[in-house]
């Protein structure tokens, strides 16, 4: 660390903090990206889901009214 800091002409403390950030920040950024992707991937359909359920129930009711088995 001492030699690298000297080559870069910066204090050792600056080098250590930059080294830490270089290791930690990409992982944190990636974790945030994965969380956002996961949210979009498994997001509840809400209104769309309600429409699908209403449609299925409507069809099932019509089938029962006609004496259908479904």
PDB file of N, CA and C in Angstrom:
ATOM      1  N   UNK A   1       0.815  -1.184   0.000  1.00  0.00           N
ATOM      2  CA  UNK A   1       0.000   0.000   0.000  1.00  0.00           C
ATOM      3  C   UNK A   1       0.867   1.259   0.000  1.00  0.00           C
ATOM      4  N   UNK A   2       1.880   1.224   0.806  1.00  0.00           N
ATOM      5  CA  UNK A   2       2.751   2.397   0.929  1.00  0.00           C
ATOM      6  C   UNK A   2       3.391   2.749  -0.412  1.00  0.00           C
ATOM      7  N   UNK A   3       3.885   1.739  -1.112  1.00  0.00           N
ATOM      8  CA  UNK A   3       4.546   1.973  -2.399  1.00  0.00           C
ATOM      9  C   UNK A   3       3.551   2.474  -3.445  1.00  0.00           C
ATOM     10  N   UNK A   4       2.371   1.882  -3.463  1.00  0.00           N
ATOM     11  CA  UNK A   4       1.360   2.295  -4.437  1.00  0.00           C
ATOM     12  C   UNK A   4       0.922   3.727  -4.173  1.00  0.00           C
ATOM     13  N   UNK A   5       0.686   4.069  -2.919  1.00  0.00           N
ATOM     14  CA  UNK A   5       0.305   5.436  -2.567  1.00  0.00           C
ATOM     15  C   UNK A   5       1.395   6.422  -2.986  1.00  0.00           C
ATOM     16  N   UNK A   6       2.658   6.032  -2.777  1.00  0.00           N
ATOM     17  CA  UNK A   6       3.774   6.904  -3.170  1.00  0.00           C
ATOM     18  C   UNK A   6       3.816   7.083  -4.684  1.00  0.00           C
ATOM     19  N   UNK A   7       3.597   6.008  -5.428  1.00  0.00           N
ATOM     20  CA  UNK A   7       3.595   6.089  -6.897  1.00  0.00           C
ATOM     21  C   UNK A   7       2.469   6.989  -7.407  1.00  0.00           C
ATOM     22  N   UNK A   8       1.336   6.939  -6.710  1.00  0.00           N
ATOM     23  CA  UNK A   8       0.190   7.763  -7.112  1.00  0.00           C
ATOM     24  C   UNK A   8       0.268   9.180  -6.536  1.00  0.00           C
ATOM     25  N   UNK A   9       1.264   9.383  -5.659  1.00  0.00           N
ATOM     26  CA  UNK A   9       1.466  10.678  -5.020  1.00  0.00           C
ATOM     27  C   UNK A   9       0.238  11.104  -4.213  1.00  0.00           C
ATOM     28  N   UNK A  10      -0.296  10.141  -3.448  1.00  0.00           N
ATOM     29  CA  UNK A  10      -1.446  10.400  -2.573  1.00  0.00           C
ATOM     30  C   UNK A  10      -1.148   9.819  -1.195  1.00  0.00           C
ATOM     31  N   UNK A  11      -1.798  10.326  -0.150  1.00  0.00           N
ATOM     32  CA  UNK A  11      -1.592   9.756   1.191  1.00  0.00           C
ATOM     33  C   UNK A  11      -2.085   8.305   1.254  1.00  0.00           C
ATOM     34  N   UNK A  12      -1.491   7.526   2.156  1.00  0.00           N
ATOM     35  CA  UNK A  12      -1.897   6.125   2.312  1.00  0.00           C
ATOM     36  C   UNK A  12      -3.364   6.003   2.695  1.00  0.00           C
ATOM     37  N   UNK A  13      -3.850   6.909   3.532  1.00  0.00           N
ATOM     38  CA  UNK A  13      -5.255   6.859   3.946  1.00  0.00           C
ATOM     39  C   UNK A  13      -6.179   7.025   2.732  1.00  0.00           C
ATOM     40  N   UNK A  14      -5.804   7.897   1.821  1.00  0.00           N
ATOM     41  CA  UNK A  14      -6.597   8.095   0.599  1.00  0.00           C
ATOM     42  C   UNK A  14      -6.588   6.822  -0.233  1.00  0.00           C
ATOM     43  N   UNK A  15      -5.408   6.216  -0.349  1.00  0.00           N
ATOM     44  CA  UNK A  15      -5.299   4.968  -1.106  1.00  0.00           C
ATOM     45  C   UNK A  15      -6.177   3.881  -0.490  1.00  0.00           C
ATOM     46  N   UNK A  16      -6.137   3.751   0.840  1.00  0.00           N
ATOM     47  CA  UNK A  16      -6.933   2.724   1.516  1.00  0.00           C
ATOM     48  C   UNK A  16      -8.438   2.952   1.298  1.00  0.00           C
ATOM     49  N   UNK A  17      -8.872   4.188   1.410  1.00  0.00           N
ATOM     50  CA  UNK A  17     -10.306   4.443   1.224  1.00  0.00           C
ATOM     51  C   UNK A  17     -10.723   4.182  -0.219  1.00  0.00           C
ATOM     52  N   UNK A  18      -9.870   4.526  -1.171  1.00  0.00           N
ATOM     53  CA  UNK A  18     -10.194   4.253  -2.583  1.00  0.00           C
ATOM     54  C   UNK A  18     -10.197   2.751  -2.870  1.00  0.00           C
ATOM     55  N   UNK A  19      -9.269   2.049  -2.260  1.00  0.00           N
ATOM     56  CA  UNK A  19      -9.217   0.600  -2.435  1.00  0.00           C
ATOM     57  C   UNK A  19     -10.477  -0.047  -1.857  1.00  0.00           C
ATOM     58  N   UNK A  20     -10.885   0.422  -0.700  1.00  0.00           N
ATOM     59  CA  UNK A  20     -12.101  -0.107  -0.066  1.00  0.00           C
ATOM     60  C   UNK A  20     -13.315   0.135  -0.963  1.00  0.00           C
ATOM     61  N   UNK A  21     -13.457   1.364  -1.434  1.00  0.00           N
ATOM     62  CA  UNK A  21     -14.587   1.693  -2.315  1.00  0.00           C
ATOM     63  C   UNK A  21     -14.568   0.852  -3.588  1.00  0.00           C
ATOM     64  N   UNK A  22     -13.388   0.633  -4.127  1.00  0.00           N
ATOM     65  CA  UNK A  22     -13.267  -0.151  -5.356  1.00  0.00           C
ATOM     66  C   UNK A  22     -13.720  -1.598  -5.150  1.00  0.00           C
ATOM     67  N   UNK A  23     -13.559  -2.103  -3.924  1.00  0.00           N
ATOM     68  CA  UNK A  23     -14.004  -3.471  -3.631  1.00  0.00           C
ATOM     69  C   UNK A  23     -15.477  -3.537  -3.282  1.00  0.00           C
ATOM     70  N   UNK A  24     -15.968  -2.570  -2.501  1.00  0.00           N
ATOM     71  CA  UNK A  24     -17.308  -2.646  -1.921  1.00  0.00           C
ATOM     72  C   UNK A  24     -18.403  -2.065  -2.828  1.00  0.00           C
ATOM     73  N   UNK A  25     -18.180  -0.905  -3.388  1.00  0.00           N
ATOM     74  CA  UNK A  25     -19.241  -0.215  -4.123  1.00  0.00           C
ATOM     75  C   UNK A  25     -19.791  -0.989  -5.323  1.00  0.00           C
ATOM     76  N   UNK A  26     -18.956  -1.645  -6.116  1.00  0.00           N
ATOM     77  CA  UNK A  26     -19.544  -2.420  -7.227  1.00  0.00           C
ATOM     78  C   UNK A  26     -20.498  -3.516  -6.740  1.00  0.00           C
ATOM     79  N   UNK A  27     -20.162  -4.165  -5.645  1.00  0.00           N
ATOM     80  CA  UNK A  27     -21.041  -5.206  -5.093  1.00  0.00           C
ATOM     81  C   UNK A  27     -22.357  -4.633  -4.607  1.00  0.00           C
ATOM     82  N   UNK A  28     -22.303  -3.477  -3.939  1.00  0.00           N
ATOM     83  CA  UNK A  28     -23.528  -2.834  -3.469  1.00  0.00           C
ATOM     84  C   UNK A  28     -24.394  -2.394  -4.641  1.00  0.00           C
ATOM     85  N   UNK A  29     -23.757  -1.856  -5.658  1.00  0.00           N
ATOM     86  CA  UNK A  29     -24.494  -1.414  -6.847  1.00  0.00           C
ATOM     87  C   UNK A  29     -25.160  -2.606  -7.535  1.00  0.00           C
ATOM     88  N   UNK A  30     -24.437  -3.688  -7.651  1.00  0.00           N
ATOM     89  CA  UNK A  30     -24.983  -4.894  -8.265  1.00  0.00           C
ATOM     90  C   UNK A  30     -26.149  -5.440  -7.447  1.00  0.00           C
ATOM     91  N   UNK A  31     -26.028  -5.419  -6.131  1.00  0.00           N
ATOM     92  CA  UNK A  31     -27.112  -5.894  -5.266  1.00  0.00           C
ATOM     93  C   UNK A  31     -28.369  -5.059  -5.478  1.00  0.00           C
ATOM     94  N   UNK A  32     -28.214  -3.731  -5.604  1.00  0.00           N
ATOM     95  CA  UNK A  32     -29.378  -2.869  -5.861  1.00  0.00           C
ATOM     96  C   UNK A  32     -30.012  -3.206  -7.202  1.00  0.00           C
ATOM     97  N   UNK A  33     -29.185  -3.411  -8.220  1.00  0.00           N
ATOM     98  CA  UNK A  33     -29.711  -3.745  -9.550  1.00  0.00           C
ATOM     99  C   UNK A  33     -30.477  -5.062  -9.516  1.00  0.00           C
ATOM    100  N   UNK A  34     -29.960  -6.037  -8.809  1.00  0.00           N
ATOM    101  CA  UNK A  34     -30.635  -7.334  -8.701  1.00  0.00           C
ATOM    102  C   UNK A  34     -31.963  -7.169  -7.983  1.00  0.00           C
ATOM    103  N   UNK A  35     -31.998  -6.356  -6.925  1.00  0.00           N
ATOM    104  CA  UNK A  35     -33.251  -6.125  -6.212  1.00  0.00           C
ATOM    105  C   UNK A  35     -34.291  -5.477  -7.107  1.00  0.00           C
ATOM    106  N   UNK A  36     -33.876  -4.500  -7.933  1.00  0.00           N
ATOM    107  CA  UNK A  36     -34.820  -3.854  -8.845  1.00  0.00           C
ATOM    108  C   UNK A  36     -35.328  -4.850  -9.878  1.00  0.00           C
ATOM    109  N   UNK A  37     -34.438  -5.654 -10.425  1.00  0.00           N
ATOM    110  CA  UNK A  37     -34.833  -6.637 -11.426  1.00  0.00           C
ATOM    111  C   UNK A  37     -35.774  -7.670 -10.817  1.00  0.00           C
ATOM    112  N   UNK A  38     -35.487  -8.092  -9.604  1.00  0.00           N
ATOM    113  CA  UNK A  38     -36.321  -9.069  -8.912  1.00  0.00           C
ATOM    114  C   UNK A  38     -37.721  -8.507  -8.682  1.00  0.00           C
ATOM    115  N   UNK A  39     -37.800  -7.232  -8.324  1.00  0.00           N
ATOM    116  CA  UNK A  39     -39.090  -6.589  -8.081  1.00  0.00           C
ATOM    117  C   UNK A  39     -39.927  -6.598  -9.366  1.00  0.00           C
ATOM    118  N   UNK A  40     -39.315  -6.228 -10.491  1.00  0.00           N
ATOM    119  CA  UNK A  40     -40.033  -6.210 -11.766  1.00  0.00           C
ATOM    120  C   UNK A  40     -40.406  -7.610 -12.226  1.00  0.00           C
ATOM    121  N   UNK A  41     -39.562  -8.561 -11.955  1.00  0.00           N
ATOM    122  CA  UNK A  41     -39.782  -9.918 -12.401  1.00  0.00           C
ATOM    123  C   UNK A  41     -40.959 -10.569 -11.700  1.00  0.00           C
ATOM    124  N   UNK A  42     -41.102 -10.344 -10.414  1.00  0.00           N
ATOM    125  CA  UNK A  42     -42.138 -11.006  -9.636  1.00  0.00           C
ATOM    126  C   UNK A  42     -43.211 -10.040  -9.139  1.00  0.00           C
ATOM    127  N   UNK A  43     -43.370  -8.922  -9.842  1.00  0.00           N
ATOM    128  CA  UNK A  43     -44.335  -7.919  -9.411  1.00  0.00           C
ATOM    129  C   UNK A  43     -45.756  -8.454  -9.542  1.00  0.00           C
ATOM    130  N   UNK A  44     -46.587  -8.183  -8.552  1.00  0.00           N
ATOM    131  CA  UNK A  44     -47.977  -8.600  -8.564  1.00  0.00           C
ATOM    132  C   UNK A  44     -48.722  -7.817  -9.629  1.00  0.00           C
ATOM    133  N   UNK A  45     -49.579  -8.493 -10.406  1.00  0.00           N
ATOM    134  CA  UNK A  45     -50.272  -7.882 -11.529  1.00  0.00           C
ATOM    135  C   UNK A  45     -51.374  -6.929 -11.145  1.00  0.00           C
ATOM    136  N   UNK A  46     -51.877  -6.969  -9.928  1.00  0.00           N
ATOM    137  CA  UNK A  46     -52.886  -6.032  -9.466  1.00  0.00           C
ATOM    138  C   UNK A  46     -54.129  -6.011 -10.327  1.00  0.00           C
ATOM    139  N   UNK A  47     -54.354  -4.915 -11.033  1.00  0.00           N
ATOM    140  CA  UNK A  47     -55.549  -4.721 -11.849  1.00  0.00           C
ATOM    141  C   UNK A  47     -55.674  -5.801 -12.916  1.00  0.00           C
ATOM    142  N   UNK A  48     -54.590  -6.134 -13.563  1.00  0.00           N
ATOM    143  CA  UNK A  48     -54.641  -7.165 -14.610  1.00  0.00           C
ATOM    144  C   UNK A  48     -55.067  -8.500 -14.012  1.00  0.00           C
ATOM    145  N   UNK A  49     -54.514  -8.819 -12.855  1.00  0.00           N
ATOM    146  CA  UNK A  49     -54.854 -10.070 -12.183  1.00  0.00           C
ATOM    147  C   UNK A  49     -56.349 -10.088 -11.829  1.00  0.00           C
ATOM    148  N   UNK A  50     -56.852  -8.965 -11.346  1.00  0.00           N
ATOM    149  CA  UNK A  50     -58.280  -8.875 -11.010  1.00  0.00           C
ATOM    150  C   UNK A  50     -59.148  -9.107 -12.244  1.00  0.00           C
ATOM    151  N   UNK A  51     -58.738  -8.563 -13.394  1.00  0.00           N
ATOM    152  CA  UNK A  51     -59.500  -8.758 -14.642  1.00  0.00           C
ATOM    153  C   UNK A  51     -59.506 -10.228 -15.055  1.00  0.00           C
ATOM    154  N   UNK A  52     -58.371 -10.879 -14.921  1.00  0.00           N
ATOM    155  CA  UNK A  52     -58.283 -12.291 -15.295  1.00  0.00           C
ATOM    156  C   UNK A  52     -59.191 -13.132 -14.393  1.00  0.00           C
ATOM    157  N   UNK A  53     -59.148 -12.873 -13.095  1.00  0.00           N
ATOM    158  CA  UNK A  53     -59.988 -13.620 -12.156  1.00  0.00           C
ATOM    159  C   UNK A  53     -61.463 -13.383 -12.464  1.00  0.00           C
ATOM    160  N   UNK A  54     -61.851 -12.137 -12.712  1.00  0.00           N
ATOM    161  CA  UNK A  54     -63.246 -11.813 -13.021  1.00  0.00           C
ATOM    162  C   UNK A  54     -63.692 -12.526 -14.295  1.00  0.00           C
ATOM    163  N   UNK A  55     -62.824 -12.568 -15.296  1.00  0.00           N
ATOM    164  CA  UNK A  55     -63.149 -13.240 -16.549  1.00  0.00           C
ATOM    165  C   UNK A  55     -63.347 -14.737 -16.349  1.00  0.00           C
ATOM    166  N   UNK A  56     -62.475 -15.351 -15.597  1.00  0.00           N
ATOM    167  CA  UNK A  56     -62.577 -16.791 -15.338  1.00  0.00           C
ATOM    168  C   UNK A  56     -63.853 -17.102 -14.558  1.00  0.00           C
ATOM    169  N   UNK A  57     -64.135 -16.308 -13.536  1.00  0.00           N
ATOM    170  CA  UNK A  57     -65.341 -16.537 -12.749  1.00  0.00           C
ATOM    171  C   UNK A  57     -66.603 -16.325 -13.591  1.00  0.00           C
ATOM    172  N   UNK A  58     -66.578 -15.334 -14.463  1.00  0.00           N
ATOM    173  CA  UNK A  58     -67.719 -15.080 -15.346  1.00  0.00           C
ATOM    174  C   UNK A  58     -67.964 -16.265 -16.279  1.00  0.00           C
ATOM    175  N   UNK A  59     -66.900 -16.769 -16.865  1.00  0.00           N
ATOM    176  CA  UNK A  59     -67.039 -17.924 -17.760  1.00  0.00           C
ATOM    177  C   UNK A  59     -67.518 -19.160 -17.002  1.00  0.00           C
ATOM    178  N   UNK A  60     -67.000 -19.350 -15.803  1.00  0.00           N
ATOM    179  CA  UNK A  60     -67.408 -20.506 -15.007  1.00  0.00           C
ATOM    180  C   UNK A  60     -68.888 -20.414 -14.650  1.00  0.00           C
ATOM    181  N   UNK A  61     -69.353 -19.217 -14.320  1.00  0.00           N
ATOM    182  CA  UNK A  61     -70.759 -19.015 -13.979  1.00  0.00           C
ATOM    183  C   UNK A  61     -71.650 -19.298 -15.196  1.00  0.00           C
ATOM    184  N   UNK A  62     -71.216 -18.833 -16.375  1.00  0.00           N
ATOM    185  CA  UNK A  62     -71.997 -19.071 -17.601  1.00  0.00           C
ATOM    186  C   UNK A  62     -72.061 -20.561 -17.913  1.00  0.00           C
ATOM    187  N   UNK A  63     -70.936 -21.246 -17.735  1.00  0.00           N
ATOM    188  CA  UNK A  63     -70.897 -22.698 -17.970  1.00  0.00           C
ATOM    189  C   UNK A  63     -71.849 -23.441 -17.037  1.00  0.00           C
ATOM    190  N   UNK A  64     -71.865 -23.038 -15.779  1.00  0.00           N
ATOM    191  CA  UNK A  64     -72.757 -23.685 -14.807  1.00  0.00           C
ATOM    192  C   UNK A  64     -74.205 -23.425 -15.170  1.00  0.00           C
ATOM    193  N   UNK A  65     -74.502 -22.228 -15.663  1.00  0.00           N
ATOM    194  CA  UNK A  65     -75.860 -21.882 -16.058  1.00  0.00           C
ATOM    195  C   UNK A  65     -76.337 -22.694 -17.246  1.00  0.00           C
ATOM    196  N   UNK A  66     -75.427 -23.134 -18.093  1.00  0.00           N
ATOM    197  CA  UNK A  66     -75.781 -23.949 -19.264  1.00  0.00           C
ATOM    198  C   UNK A  66     -75.699 -25.432 -18.953  1.00  0.00           C
ATOM    199  N   UNK A  67     -75.424 -25.771 -17.699  1.00  0.00           N
ATOM    200  CA  UNK A  67     -75.329 -27.169 -17.327  1.00  0.00           C
ATOM    201  C   UNK A  67     -73.993 -27.804 -17.645  1.00  0.00           C
ATOM    202  N   UNK A  68     -72.973 -26.985 -17.893  1.00  0.00           N
ATOM    203  CA  UNK A  68     -71.634 -27.502 -18.206  1.00  0.00           C
ATOM    204  C   UNK A  68     -70.957 -28.095 -16.997  1.00  0.00           C
ATOM    205  N   UNK A  69     -69.972 -28.895 -17.213  1.00  0.00           N
ATOM    206  CA  UNK A  69     -69.247 -29.562 -16.144  1.00  0.00           C
ATOM    207  C   UNK A  69     -68.034 -28.745 -15.675  1.00  0.00           C
ATOM    208  N   UNK A  70     -67.682 -27.624 -16.317  1.00  0.00           N
ATOM    209  CA  UNK A  70     -66.460 -26.886 -15.990  1.00  0.00           C
ATOM    210  C   UNK A  70     -66.744 -25.765 -15.076  1.00  0.00           C
TER     211      UNK A  70
END
